[in-house]
């Protein structure tokens, strides 16, 4: 019981210090958030469009002057689906793709794009189409600039009270 209490105390102290660090007077700026996300990568939620029933996530990871884009759909169509990065937002998408992505096949796609992540965070979106024959029907979209870097998590081993992240 003492070990569990000690582990809980360590966990609470760690959370309190994390909250205090997040409440500093600097408040952080948009450029700091962009720089942090560009160095760590970020997750983009791909939301269903046109009653497709398809949604998922894209993970963008900075690789120098390139960006690795990995799409993982929770629900998807049986056929291969074209995907692109477009300038604009899901609400106002430039119909001409800025950067092509590999087709989403069985809910997955992986593409190295020749553009830095920081540029993509300016105002771009990831868009998926129903099929190569039905390009005008959008099935999922996610705004890159509205997303944040993944939150680092730390797990505490109740036996030892030590954390690993």
C-alpha atoms as a PDB file:
ATOM      1  CA  UNK A   1       0.000   0.000   0.000  1.00  0.00           C
ATOM      2  CA  UNK A   2       2.892   2.358   0.781  1.00  0.00           C
ATOM      3  CA  UNK A   3       4.374   1.727  -2.675  1.00  0.00           C
ATOM      4  CA  UNK A   4       1.064   2.555  -4.352  1.00  0.00           C
ATOM      5  CA  UNK A   5       0.698   5.731  -2.271  1.00  0.00           C
ATOM      6  CA  UNK A   6       4.253   6.778  -3.146  1.00  0.00           C
ATOM      7  CA  UNK A   7       3.624   6.122  -6.828  1.00  0.00           C
ATOM      8  CA  UNK A   8       0.433   8.174  -6.743  1.00  0.00           C
ATOM      9  CA  UNK A   9       2.236  11.005  -4.936  1.00  0.00           C
ATOM     10  CA  UNK A  10       4.967  11.016  -7.600  1.00  0.00           C
ATOM     11  CA  UNK A  11       2.341  11.005 -10.343  1.00  0.00           C
ATOM     12  CA  UNK A  12       0.425  13.927  -8.786  1.00  0.00           C
ATOM     13  CA  UNK A  13       3.647  15.899  -8.274  1.00  0.00           C
ATOM     14  CA  UNK A  14       4.620  15.295 -11.893  1.00  0.00           C
ATOM     15  CA  UNK A  15       1.227  16.430 -13.138  1.00  0.00           C
ATOM     16  CA  UNK A  16       1.340  19.532 -10.961  1.00  0.00           C
ATOM     17  CA  UNK A  17       4.770  20.508 -12.253  1.00  0.00           C
ATOM     18  CA  UNK A  18       3.618  19.953 -15.830  1.00  0.00           C
ATOM     19  CA  UNK A  19       0.584  22.168 -15.281  1.00  0.00           C
ATOM     20  CA  UNK A  20       2.707  24.850 -13.649  1.00  0.00           C
ATOM     21  CA  UNK A  21       5.148  24.767 -16.547  1.00  0.00           C
ATOM     22  CA  UNK A  22       2.277  25.160 -18.993  1.00  0.00           C
ATOM     23  CA  UNK A  23       0.915  28.161 -17.101  1.00  0.00           C
ATOM     24  CA  UNK A  24       4.052  30.296 -17.400  1.00  0.00           C
ATOM     25  CA  UNK A  25       3.785  33.979 -18.233  1.00  0.00           C
ATOM     26  CA  UNK A  26       5.228  33.601 -21.735  1.00  0.00           C
ATOM     27  CA  UNK A  27       2.036  31.986 -23.048  1.00  0.00           C
ATOM     28  CA  UNK A  28       3.865  30.765 -26.158  1.00  0.00           C
ATOM     29  CA  UNK A  29       3.469  32.173 -29.626  1.00  0.00           C
ATOM     30  CA  UNK A  30       2.147  30.779 -32.861  1.00  0.00           C
ATOM     31  CA  UNK A  31       5.673  30.662 -34.279  1.00  0.00           C
ATOM     32  CA  UNK A  32       6.860  28.691 -31.226  1.00  0.00           C
ATOM     33  CA  UNK A  33       4.017  26.208 -31.715  1.00  0.00           C
ATOM     34  CA  UNK A  34       4.860  25.914 -35.423  1.00  0.00           C
ATOM     35  CA  UNK A  35       8.553  25.383 -34.677  1.00  0.00           C
ATOM     36  CA  UNK A  36       7.754  22.746 -32.036  1.00  0.00           C
ATOM     37  CA  UNK A  37       5.308  20.910 -34.296  1.00  0.00           C
ATOM     38  CA  UNK A  38       7.688  21.099 -37.253  1.00  0.00           C
ATOM     39  CA  UNK A  39      10.413  19.430 -35.207  1.00  0.00           C
ATOM     40  CA  UNK A  40       8.196  16.805 -33.547  1.00  0.00           C
ATOM     41  CA  UNK A  41       5.552  16.113 -36.141  1.00  0.00           C
ATOM     42  CA  UNK A  42       1.820  16.373 -35.752  1.00  0.00           C
ATOM     43  CA  UNK A  43      -1.402  14.440 -36.043  1.00  0.00           C
ATOM     44  CA  UNK A  44      -4.172  15.562 -38.392  1.00  0.00           C
ATOM     45  CA  UNK A  45      -7.674  14.241 -37.812  1.00  0.00           C
ATOM     46  CA  UNK A  46      -9.305  13.255 -41.103  1.00  0.00           C
ATOM     47  CA  UNK A  47     -13.019  13.884 -40.741  1.00  0.00           C
ATOM     48  CA  UNK A  48     -15.763  12.256 -42.778  1.00  0.00           C
ATOM     49  CA  UNK A  49     -17.204  14.220 -45.708  1.00  0.00           C
ATOM     50  CA  UNK A  50     -20.259  13.626 -47.902  1.00  0.00           C
ATOM     51  CA  UNK A  51     -21.648  10.937 -45.569  1.00  0.00           C
ATOM     52  CA  UNK A  52     -18.804   8.602 -46.534  1.00  0.00           C
ATOM     53  CA  UNK A  53     -18.467   7.045 -43.089  1.00  0.00           C
ATOM     54  CA  UNK A  54     -14.691   7.305 -43.513  1.00  0.00           C
ATOM     55  CA  UNK A  55     -12.456   8.887 -40.904  1.00  0.00           C
ATOM     56  CA  UNK A  56      -8.948   8.472 -39.605  1.00  0.00           C
ATOM     57  CA  UNK A  57      -5.696  10.230 -38.954  1.00  0.00           C
ATOM     58  CA  UNK A  58      -2.624  11.415 -40.810  1.00  0.00           C
ATOM     59  CA  UNK A  59       0.686  11.710 -39.008  1.00  0.00           C
ATOM     60  CA  UNK A  60       3.121  14.239 -40.473  1.00  0.00           C
ATOM     61  CA  UNK A  61       6.765  13.966 -39.460  1.00  0.00           C
ATOM     62  CA  UNK A  62       9.489  16.440 -40.398  1.00  0.00           C
ATOM     63  CA  UNK A  63      12.395  14.834 -42.245  1.00  0.00           C
ATOM     64  CA  UNK A  64      14.644  17.827 -42.948  1.00  0.00           C
ATOM     65  CA  UNK A  65      13.315  19.582 -46.043  1.00  0.00           C
ATOM     66  CA  UNK A  66      10.779  16.777 -46.590  1.00  0.00           C
ATOM     67  CA  UNK A  67       7.728  15.527 -44.688  1.00  0.00           C
ATOM     68  CA  UNK A  68       6.651  11.939 -44.132  1.00  0.00           C
ATOM     69  CA  UNK A  69       2.853  11.638 -44.361  1.00  0.00           C
ATOM     70  CA  UNK A  70       1.327   8.439 -42.976  1.00  0.00           C
ATOM     71  CA  UNK A  71      -2.437   7.997 -43.293  1.00  0.00           C
ATOM     72  CA  UNK A  72      -4.278   5.450 -41.165  1.00  0.00           C
ATOM     73  CA  UNK A  73      -8.036   5.317 -41.653  1.00  0.00           C
ATOM     74  CA  UNK A  74     -10.292   3.826 -38.986  1.00  0.00           C
ATOM     75  CA  UNK A  75     -12.969   3.201 -41.615  1.00  0.00           C
ATOM     76  CA  UNK A  76     -12.395   3.100 -45.362  1.00  0.00           C
ATOM     77  CA  UNK A  77     -13.646   1.884 -48.740  1.00  0.00           C
ATOM     78  CA  UNK A  78     -12.541  -1.381 -50.332  1.00  0.00           C
ATOM     79  CA  UNK A  79     -11.046   0.365 -53.385  1.00  0.00           C
ATOM     80  CA  UNK A  80      -7.856   2.435 -53.646  1.00  0.00           C
ATOM     81  CA  UNK A  81      -8.538   6.095 -52.877  1.00  0.00           C
ATOM     82  CA  UNK A  82      -6.496   9.043 -54.138  1.00  0.00           C
ATOM     83  CA  UNK A  83      -5.246  11.481 -51.495  1.00  0.00           C
ATOM     84  CA  UNK A  84      -3.560  14.857 -51.801  1.00  0.00           C
ATOM     85  CA  UNK A  85      -2.382  17.862 -49.849  1.00  0.00           C
ATOM     86  CA  UNK A  86      -4.239  20.957 -51.037  1.00  0.00           C
ATOM     87  CA  UNK A  87      -3.689  24.633 -50.294  1.00  0.00           C
ATOM     88  CA  UNK A  88      -6.472  26.091 -48.149  1.00  0.00           C
ATOM     89  CA  UNK A  89      -8.726  24.483 -45.573  1.00  0.00           C
ATOM     90  CA  UNK A  90     -11.347  21.749 -45.754  1.00  0.00           C
ATOM     91  CA  UNK A  91     -13.989  24.500 -45.760  1.00  0.00           C
ATOM     92  CA  UNK A  92     -12.319  26.312 -48.687  1.00  0.00           C
ATOM     93  CA  UNK A  93     -10.061  23.905 -50.542  1.00  0.00           C
ATOM     94  CA  UNK A  94      -8.087  24.844 -53.645  1.00  0.00           C
ATOM     95  CA  UNK A  95      -9.248  22.096 -56.043  1.00  0.00           C
ATOM     96  CA  UNK A  96      -5.771  21.754 -57.581  1.00  0.00           C
ATOM     97  CA  UNK A  97      -3.596  19.447 -55.455  1.00  0.00           C
ATOM     98  CA  UNK A  98      -0.373  21.013 -54.179  1.00  0.00           C
ATOM     99  CA  UNK A  99       1.290  17.695 -53.292  1.00  0.00           C
ATOM    100  CA  UNK A 100       0.137  14.214 -54.353  1.00  0.00           C
ATOM    101  CA  UNK A 101       0.082  11.416 -51.808  1.00  0.00           C
ATOM    102  CA  UNK A 102       0.157   7.697 -52.482  1.00  0.00           C
ATOM    103  CA  UNK A 103      -3.312   6.178 -52.794  1.00  0.00           C
ATOM    104  CA  UNK A 104      -4.952   5.022 -49.586  1.00  0.00           C
ATOM    105  CA  UNK A 105      -5.204   1.239 -49.926  1.00  0.00           C
ATOM    106  CA  UNK A 106      -6.939  -0.816 -47.248  1.00  0.00           C
ATOM    107  CA  UNK A 107      -6.990   2.326 -45.104  1.00  0.00           C
ATOM    108  CA  UNK A 108      -3.248   3.022 -45.295  1.00  0.00           C
ATOM    109  CA  UNK A 109      -0.884   5.283 -47.190  1.00  0.00           C
ATOM    110  CA  UNK A 110       2.721   6.363 -46.695  1.00  0.00           C
ATOM    111  CA  UNK A 111       4.348   9.164 -48.724  1.00  0.00           C
ATOM    112  CA  UNK A 112       7.505  11.262 -48.467  1.00  0.00           C
ATOM    113  CA  UNK A 113       6.560  14.751 -49.671  1.00  0.00           C
ATOM    114  CA  UNK A 114       9.206  17.149 -50.963  1.00  0.00           C
ATOM    115  CA  UNK A 115       8.199  20.078 -48.710  1.00  0.00           C
ATOM    116  CA  UNK A 116       9.115  20.996 -45.115  1.00  0.00           C
ATOM    117  CA  UNK A 117       6.448  20.438 -42.468  1.00  0.00           C
ATOM    118  CA  UNK A 118       6.656  24.091 -41.375  1.00  0.00           C
ATOM    119  CA  UNK A 119       5.419  25.155 -44.838  1.00  0.00           C
ATOM    120  CA  UNK A 120       2.499  22.707 -44.721  1.00  0.00           C
ATOM    121  CA  UNK A 121       1.413  24.241 -41.424  1.00  0.00           C
ATOM    122  CA  UNK A 122       0.846  27.613 -43.107  1.00  0.00           C
ATOM    123  CA  UNK A 123      -2.574  26.690 -44.520  1.00  0.00           C
ATOM    124  CA  UNK A 124      -2.921  23.310 -46.138  1.00  0.00           C
ATOM    125  CA  UNK A 125      -5.301  20.375 -45.822  1.00  0.00           C
ATOM    126  CA  UNK A 126      -5.173  16.646 -46.546  1.00  0.00           C
ATOM    127  CA  UNK A 127      -8.032  15.446 -48.719  1.00  0.00           C
ATOM    128  CA  UNK A 128      -9.192  11.973 -49.792  1.00  0.00           C
ATOM    129  CA  UNK A 129     -11.333  11.189 -52.821  1.00  0.00           C
ATOM    130  CA  UNK A 130     -13.858   8.378 -53.286  1.00  0.00           C
ATOM    131  CA  UNK A 131     -11.918   6.809 -56.191  1.00  0.00           C
ATOM    132  CA  UNK A 132      -9.815   7.651 -59.240  1.00  0.00           C
ATOM    133  CA  UNK A 133     -13.039   7.749 -61.290  1.00  0.00           C
ATOM    134  CA  UNK A 134     -14.908   9.869 -58.721  1.00  0.00           C
ATOM    135  CA  UNK A 135     -12.323  12.540 -57.881  1.00  0.00           C
ATOM    136  CA  UNK A 136     -14.946  15.235 -57.291  1.00  0.00           C
ATOM    137  CA  UNK A 137     -16.414  13.328 -54.349  1.00  0.00           C
ATOM    138  CA  UNK A 138     -14.427  14.039 -51.193  1.00  0.00           C
ATOM    139  CA  UNK A 139     -14.688  11.376 -48.482  1.00  0.00           C
ATOM    140  CA  UNK A 140     -12.379  12.738 -45.741  1.00  0.00           C
ATOM    141  CA  UNK A 141     -10.438  15.900 -45.025  1.00  0.00           C
ATOM    142  CA  UNK A 142      -8.260  17.391 -42.289  1.00  0.00           C
ATOM    143  CA  UNK A 143      -6.786  20.868 -41.840  1.00  0.00           C
ATOM    144  CA  UNK A 144      -3.053  20.631 -41.182  1.00  0.00           C
ATOM    145  CA  UNK A 145      -2.712  24.099 -39.636  1.00  0.00           C
ATOM    146  CA  UNK A 146      -5.423  23.491 -37.013  1.00  0.00           C
ATOM    147  CA  UNK A 147      -3.668  20.534 -35.434  1.00  0.00           C
ATOM    148  CA  UNK A 148      -1.120  20.372 -32.649  1.00  0.00           C
ATOM    149  CA  UNK A 149       1.920  18.208 -32.040  1.00  0.00           C
ATOM    150  CA  UNK A 150       1.204  14.905 -30.334  1.00  0.00           C
ATOM    151  CA  UNK A 151       1.200  15.271 -26.562  1.00  0.00           C
ATOM    152  CA  UNK A 152       4.098  13.401 -24.965  1.00  0.00           C
ATOM    153  CA  UNK A 153       2.838  10.901 -22.419  1.00  0.00           C
ATOM    154  CA  UNK A 154       4.555   9.350 -19.464  1.00  0.00           C
ATOM    155  CA  UNK A 155       3.518   6.115 -17.847  1.00  0.00           C
ATOM    156  CA  UNK A 156       4.296   5.348 -14.247  1.00  0.00           C
ATOM    157  CA  UNK A 157       5.143   1.836 -13.182  1.00  0.00           C
ATOM    158  CA  UNK A 158       3.198   1.381  -9.925  1.00  0.00           C
ATOM    159  CA  UNK A 159       5.711  -1.227  -8.749  1.00  0.00           C
ATOM    160  CA  UNK A 160       8.787   0.955  -8.947  1.00  0.00           C
ATOM    161  CA  UNK A 161       7.278   4.448  -9.109  1.00  0.00           C
ATOM    162  CA  UNK A 162       9.508   5.246 -12.090  1.00  0.00           C
ATOM    163  CA  UNK A 163       8.272   6.678 -15.328  1.00  0.00           C
ATOM    164  CA  UNK A 164       9.079   6.014 -18.944  1.00  0.00           C
ATOM    165  CA  UNK A 165       8.088   8.120 -21.896  1.00  0.00           C
END
